[in-house]
C-alpha atoms as a PDB file:
ATOM      1  CA  MET A   1    -163.149 220.644 324.939  1.00  0.00           C
ATOM      2  CA  LYS A   2    -164.414 218.321 327.648  1.00  0.00           C
ATOM      3  CA  ALA A   3    -167.550 219.150 329.566  1.00  0.00           C
ATOM      4  CA  LYS A   4    -166.842 220.165 333.164  1.00  0.00           C
ATOM      5  CA  VAL A   5    -168.865 218.502 335.920  1.00  0.00           C
ATOM      6  CA  LEU A   6    -168.838 219.299 339.632  1.00  0.00           C
ATOM      7  CA  VAL A   7    -169.655 216.339 341.893  1.00  0.00           C
ATOM      8  CA  VAL A   8    -170.825 217.512 345.330  1.00  0.00           C
ATOM      9  CA  GLU A   9    -170.933 214.565 347.735  1.00  0.00           C
ATOM     10  CA  ASP A  10    -169.903 214.102 351.361  1.00  0.00           C
ATOM     11  CA  ASP A  11    -169.481 210.302 351.313  1.00  0.00           C
ATOM     12  CA  ASP A  12    -165.901 209.418 350.342  1.00  0.00           C
ATOM     13  CA  LEU A  13    -166.698 206.205 348.468  1.00  0.00           C
ATOM     14  CA  THR A  14    -169.685 207.640 346.586  1.00  0.00           C
ATOM     15  CA  ARG A  15    -167.672 210.738 345.705  1.00  0.00           C
ATOM     16  CA  PHE A  16    -164.812 208.596 344.385  1.00  0.00           C
ATOM     17  CA  LEU A  17    -167.108 206.313 342.348  1.00  0.00           C
ATOM     18  CA  MET A  18    -169.039 209.213 340.825  1.00  0.00           C
ATOM     19  CA  GLY A  19    -165.778 210.919 339.892  1.00  0.00           C
ATOM     20  CA  GLU A  20    -164.488 207.763 338.226  1.00  0.00           C
ATOM     21  CA  MET A  21    -167.740 207.289 336.298  1.00  0.00           C
ATOM     22  CA  CYS A  22    -167.576 210.890 335.082  1.00  0.00           C
ATOM     23  CA  ARG A  23    -164.020 210.337 333.895  1.00  0.00           C
ATOM     24  CA  MET A  24    -165.096 207.117 332.111  1.00  0.00           C
ATOM     25  CA  LEU A  25    -167.592 209.255 330.206  1.00  0.00           C
ATOM     26  CA  GLY A  26    -164.834 211.622 329.124  1.00  0.00           C
ATOM     27  CA  LEU A  27    -165.822 214.436 331.468  1.00  0.00           C
ATOM     28  CA  ASP A  28    -163.520 216.837 333.271  1.00  0.00           C
ATOM     29  CA  CYS A  29    -164.609 216.221 336.858  1.00  0.00           C
ATOM     30  CA  GLU A  30    -164.041 218.353 339.954  1.00  0.00           C
ATOM     31  CA  ILE A  31    -165.037 217.249 343.452  1.00  0.00           C
ATOM     32  CA  ALA A  32    -166.553 219.137 346.394  1.00  0.00           C
ATOM     33  CA  ALA A  33    -167.032 217.441 349.770  1.00  0.00           C
ATOM     34  CA  ASP A  34    -170.071 219.497 350.792  1.00  0.00           C
ATOM     35  CA  GLY A  35    -172.298 222.386 349.787  1.00  0.00           C
ATOM     36  CA  GLN A  36    -170.001 225.046 351.236  1.00  0.00           C
ATOM     37  CA  HIS A  37    -167.028 223.695 349.311  1.00  0.00           C
ATOM     38  CA  CYS A  38    -169.211 223.766 346.164  1.00  0.00           C
ATOM     39  CA  LEU A  39    -170.192 227.395 346.712  1.00  0.00           C
ATOM     40  CA  ASP A  40    -166.572 228.360 347.378  1.00  0.00           C
ATOM     41  CA  MET A  41    -165.466 226.693 344.134  1.00  0.00           C
ATOM     42  CA  LEU A  42    -168.180 228.434 342.117  1.00  0.00           C
ATOM     43  CA  GLU A  43    -167.420 231.838 343.635  1.00  0.00           C
ATOM     44  CA  SER A  44    -163.695 231.491 342.966  1.00  0.00           C
ATOM     45  CA  GLY A  45    -164.502 231.593 339.254  1.00  0.00           C
ATOM     46  CA  ALA A  46    -161.554 229.321 338.486  1.00  0.00           C
ATOM     47  CA  VAL A  47    -163.780 226.875 336.573  1.00  0.00           C
ATOM     48  CA  ASP A  48    -167.143 227.288 334.855  1.00  0.00           C
ATOM     49  CA  PHE A  49    -169.112 224.067 335.190  1.00  0.00           C
ATOM     50  CA  ASP A  50    -171.492 222.608 332.618  1.00  0.00           C
ATOM     51  CA  LEU A  51    -173.288 220.422 335.185  1.00  0.00           C
ATOM     52  CA  ILE A  52    -173.480 220.023 338.960  1.00  0.00           C
ATOM     53  CA  LEU A  53    -174.313 216.651 340.538  1.00  0.00           C
ATOM     54  CA  MET A  54    -175.517 217.582 344.037  1.00  0.00           C
ATOM     55  CA  ASP A  55    -176.040 215.281 347.012  1.00  0.00           C
ATOM     56  CA  ILE A  56    -178.965 216.437 349.149  1.00  0.00           C
ATOM     57  CA  GLN A  57    -177.963 215.576 352.715  1.00  0.00           C
ATOM     58  CA  MET A  58    -174.521 216.898 353.650  1.00  0.00           C
ATOM     59  CA  PRO A  59    -172.912 218.550 356.673  1.00  0.00           C
ATOM     60  CA  ARG A  60    -172.235 222.302 356.912  1.00  0.00           C
ATOM     61  CA  VAL A  61    -174.274 223.343 353.862  1.00  0.00           C
ATOM     62  CA  SER A  62    -176.808 220.860 352.481  1.00  0.00           C
ATOM     63  CA  GLY A  63    -177.529 220.316 348.815  1.00  0.00           C
ATOM     64  CA  LEU A  64    -180.814 222.177 349.248  1.00  0.00           C
ATOM     65  CA  GLU A  65    -179.084 225.210 350.758  1.00  0.00           C
ATOM     66  CA  ALA A  66    -176.307 225.182 348.162  1.00  0.00           C
ATOM     67  CA  THR A  67    -178.799 224.938 345.297  1.00  0.00           C
ATOM     68  CA  LYS A  68    -180.832 227.827 346.693  1.00  0.00           C
ATOM     69  CA  ALA A  69    -177.650 229.931 346.904  1.00  0.00           C
ATOM     70  CA  ILE A  70    -176.625 228.980 343.358  1.00  0.00           C
ATOM     71  CA  ARG A  71    -180.042 229.857 341.938  1.00  0.00           C
ATOM     72  CA  SER A  72    -179.900 233.293 343.586  1.00  0.00           C
ATOM     73  CA  ASN A  73    -176.320 234.024 342.486  1.00  0.00           C
ATOM     74  CA  PRO A  74    -176.017 237.330 340.594  1.00  0.00           C
ATOM     75  CA  LYS A  75    -173.735 235.727 337.981  1.00  0.00           C
ATOM     76  CA  ALA A  76    -175.924 234.221 335.244  1.00  0.00           C
ATOM     77  CA  LEU A  77    -173.303 231.624 334.313  1.00  0.00           C
ATOM     78  CA  ILE A  78    -173.441 230.225 337.858  1.00  0.00           C
ATOM     79  CA  ARG A  79    -177.176 230.745 338.386  1.00  0.00           C
ATOM     80  CA  THR A  80    -178.188 228.861 335.229  1.00  0.00           C
ATOM     81  CA  THR A  81    -175.877 225.845 335.576  1.00  0.00           C
ATOM     82  CA  PRO A  82    -177.951 222.631 335.488  1.00  0.00           C
ATOM     83  CA  ILE A  83    -178.103 220.986 338.919  1.00  0.00           C
ATOM     84  CA  VAL A  84    -179.050 217.334 339.333  1.00  0.00           C
ATOM     85  CA  ALA A  85    -180.111 216.103 342.782  1.00  0.00           C
ATOM     86  CA  VAL A  86    -178.359 212.851 343.699  1.00  0.00           C
ATOM     87  CA  THR A  87    -180.354 211.023 346.352  1.00  0.00           C
ATOM     88  CA  ALA A  88    -181.631 207.663 347.573  1.00  0.00           C
ATOM     89  CA  GLU A  89    -184.988 209.222 348.484  1.00  0.00           C
ATOM     90  CA  SER A  90    -187.425 207.744 345.950  1.00  0.00           C
ATOM     91  CA  HIS A  91    -189.946 210.623 346.089  1.00  0.00           C
ATOM     92  CA  TRP A  92    -187.244 212.966 344.777  1.00  0.00           C
ATOM     93  CA  HIS A  93    -187.308 211.323 341.382  1.00  0.00           C
ATOM     94  CA  GLU A  94    -190.493 213.089 340.319  1.00  0.00           C
ATOM     95  CA  PRO A  95    -190.206 216.628 338.884  1.00  0.00           C
ATOM     96  CA  LYS A  96    -192.872 217.977 341.247  1.00  0.00           C
ATOM     97  CA  HIS A  97    -190.470 217.348 344.133  1.00  0.00           C
ATOM     98  CA  TYR A  98    -187.164 218.648 342.765  1.00  0.00           C
ATOM     99  CA  GLU A  99    -188.126 221.440 340.346  1.00  0.00           C
ATOM    100  CA  PRO A 100    -189.615 223.814 342.978  1.00  0.00           C
ATOM    101  CA  LEU A 101    -186.338 223.513 344.911  1.00  0.00           C
ATOM    102  CA  GLY A 102    -184.189 224.613 341.967  1.00  0.00           C
ATOM    103  CA  PHE A 103    -183.016 221.250 340.652  1.00  0.00           C
ATOM    104  CA  ASP A 104    -183.220 220.395 336.963  1.00  0.00           C
ATOM    105  CA  SER A 105    -183.405 216.636 337.443  1.00  0.00           C
ATOM    106  CA  ALA A 106    -182.682 213.838 339.904  1.00  0.00           C
ATOM    107  CA  LEU A 107    -180.376 210.827 339.810  1.00  0.00           C
ATOM    108  CA  PRO A 108    -181.017 207.865 342.116  1.00  0.00           C
ATOM    109  CA  LYS A 109    -178.440 206.458 344.515  1.00  0.00           C
ATOM    110  CA  PRO A 110    -176.634 204.225 344.241  1.00  0.00           C
ATOM    111  CA  VAL A 111    -175.551 205.972 341.063  1.00  0.00           C
ATOM    112  CA  GLU A 112    -175.249 203.633 338.098  1.00  0.00           C
ATOM    113  CA  LEU A 113    -173.275 204.376 334.954  1.00  0.00           C
ATOM    114  CA  ALA A 114    -176.334 204.062 332.693  1.00  0.00           C
ATOM    115  CA  GLY A 115    -178.251 206.661 334.726  1.00  0.00           C
ATOM    116  CA  LEU A 116    -175.291 209.018 334.813  1.00  0.00           C
ATOM    117  CA  THR A 117    -174.822 208.600 331.057  1.00  0.00           C
ATOM    118  CA  SER A 118    -178.452 209.579 330.487  1.00  0.00           C
ATOM    119  CA  ILE A 119    -178.059 212.720 332.616  1.00  0.00           C
ATOM    120  CA  VAL A 120    -174.828 213.663 330.831  1.00  0.00           C
ATOM    121  CA  ARG A 121    -176.469 213.275 327.434  1.00  0.00           C
ATOM    122  CA  GLN A 122    -179.417 215.371 328.556  1.00  0.00           C
ATOM    123  CA  TYR A 123    -177.430 218.299 329.941  1.00  0.00           C
ATOM    124  CA  VAL A 124    -174.014 218.370 328.267  1.00  0.00           C
ATOM    125  CA  GLY A 125    -174.395 216.264 325.147  1.00  0.00           C
ATOM    126  CA  ASP A 126    -171.783 213.681 324.330  1.00  0.00           C
ATOM    127  CA  SER A 127    -168.990 215.580 326.166  1.00  0.00           C
ATOM    128  CA  GLY A 128    -166.634 215.156 323.255  1.00  0.00           C
ATOM    129  CA  GLN A 129    -167.228 211.422 322.840  1.00  0.00           C
ATOM    130  CA  SER A 130    -169.318 209.745 320.206  1.00  0.00           C
ATOM    131  CA  ALA A 131    -172.636 208.160 321.160  1.00  0.00           C
ATOM    132  CA  PRO A 132    -171.182 204.631 320.664  1.00  0.00           C
ATOM    133  CA  GLN A 133    -168.417 205.427 323.170  1.00  0.00           C
ATOM    134  CA  LEU A 134    -170.985 206.603 325.722  1.00  0.00           C
ATOM    135  CA  GLN A 135    -173.088 203.491 325.089  1.00  0.00           C
ATOM    136  CA  ALA A 136    -170.059 201.241 325.480  1.00  0.00           C
ATOM    137  CA  ALA A 137    -169.087 202.972 328.727  1.00  0.00           C
ATOM    138  CA  ALA A 138    -172.639 202.547 330.027  1.00  0.00           C
ATOM    139  CA  GLY A 139    -172.790 198.921 328.952  1.00  0.00           C
ATOM    140  CA  SER A 140    -175.828 199.439 326.697  1.00  0.00           C
END
């Protein structure tokens, strides 16, 4: 079974590229255009995600607000899903900045396949692919 990843990103091009990279890594990828869309998808219960890649600055509901709502969700399966902040802000890439806000890790923008591969390995394992396939996809 493929790992299921939710990409939450308001920028069309970034959202598309992240989705394609996830698919290259053999992941089942769903897309949300903002934090509210993410929360709606999680509450619907249609899919249980193994990982959430969350942009920070978005309209309607920001990544910070969505993460806070996820971490306070009464459903343990939702509340404990790993959330990775995806941001160009360099100070976010230190645990002291993202952990108090409910994020498990951070991924720098622009997102590169090698960085995404590392995050996938850390939180969902090889997602049904062998390590050599992940390395080949990441170009390592």
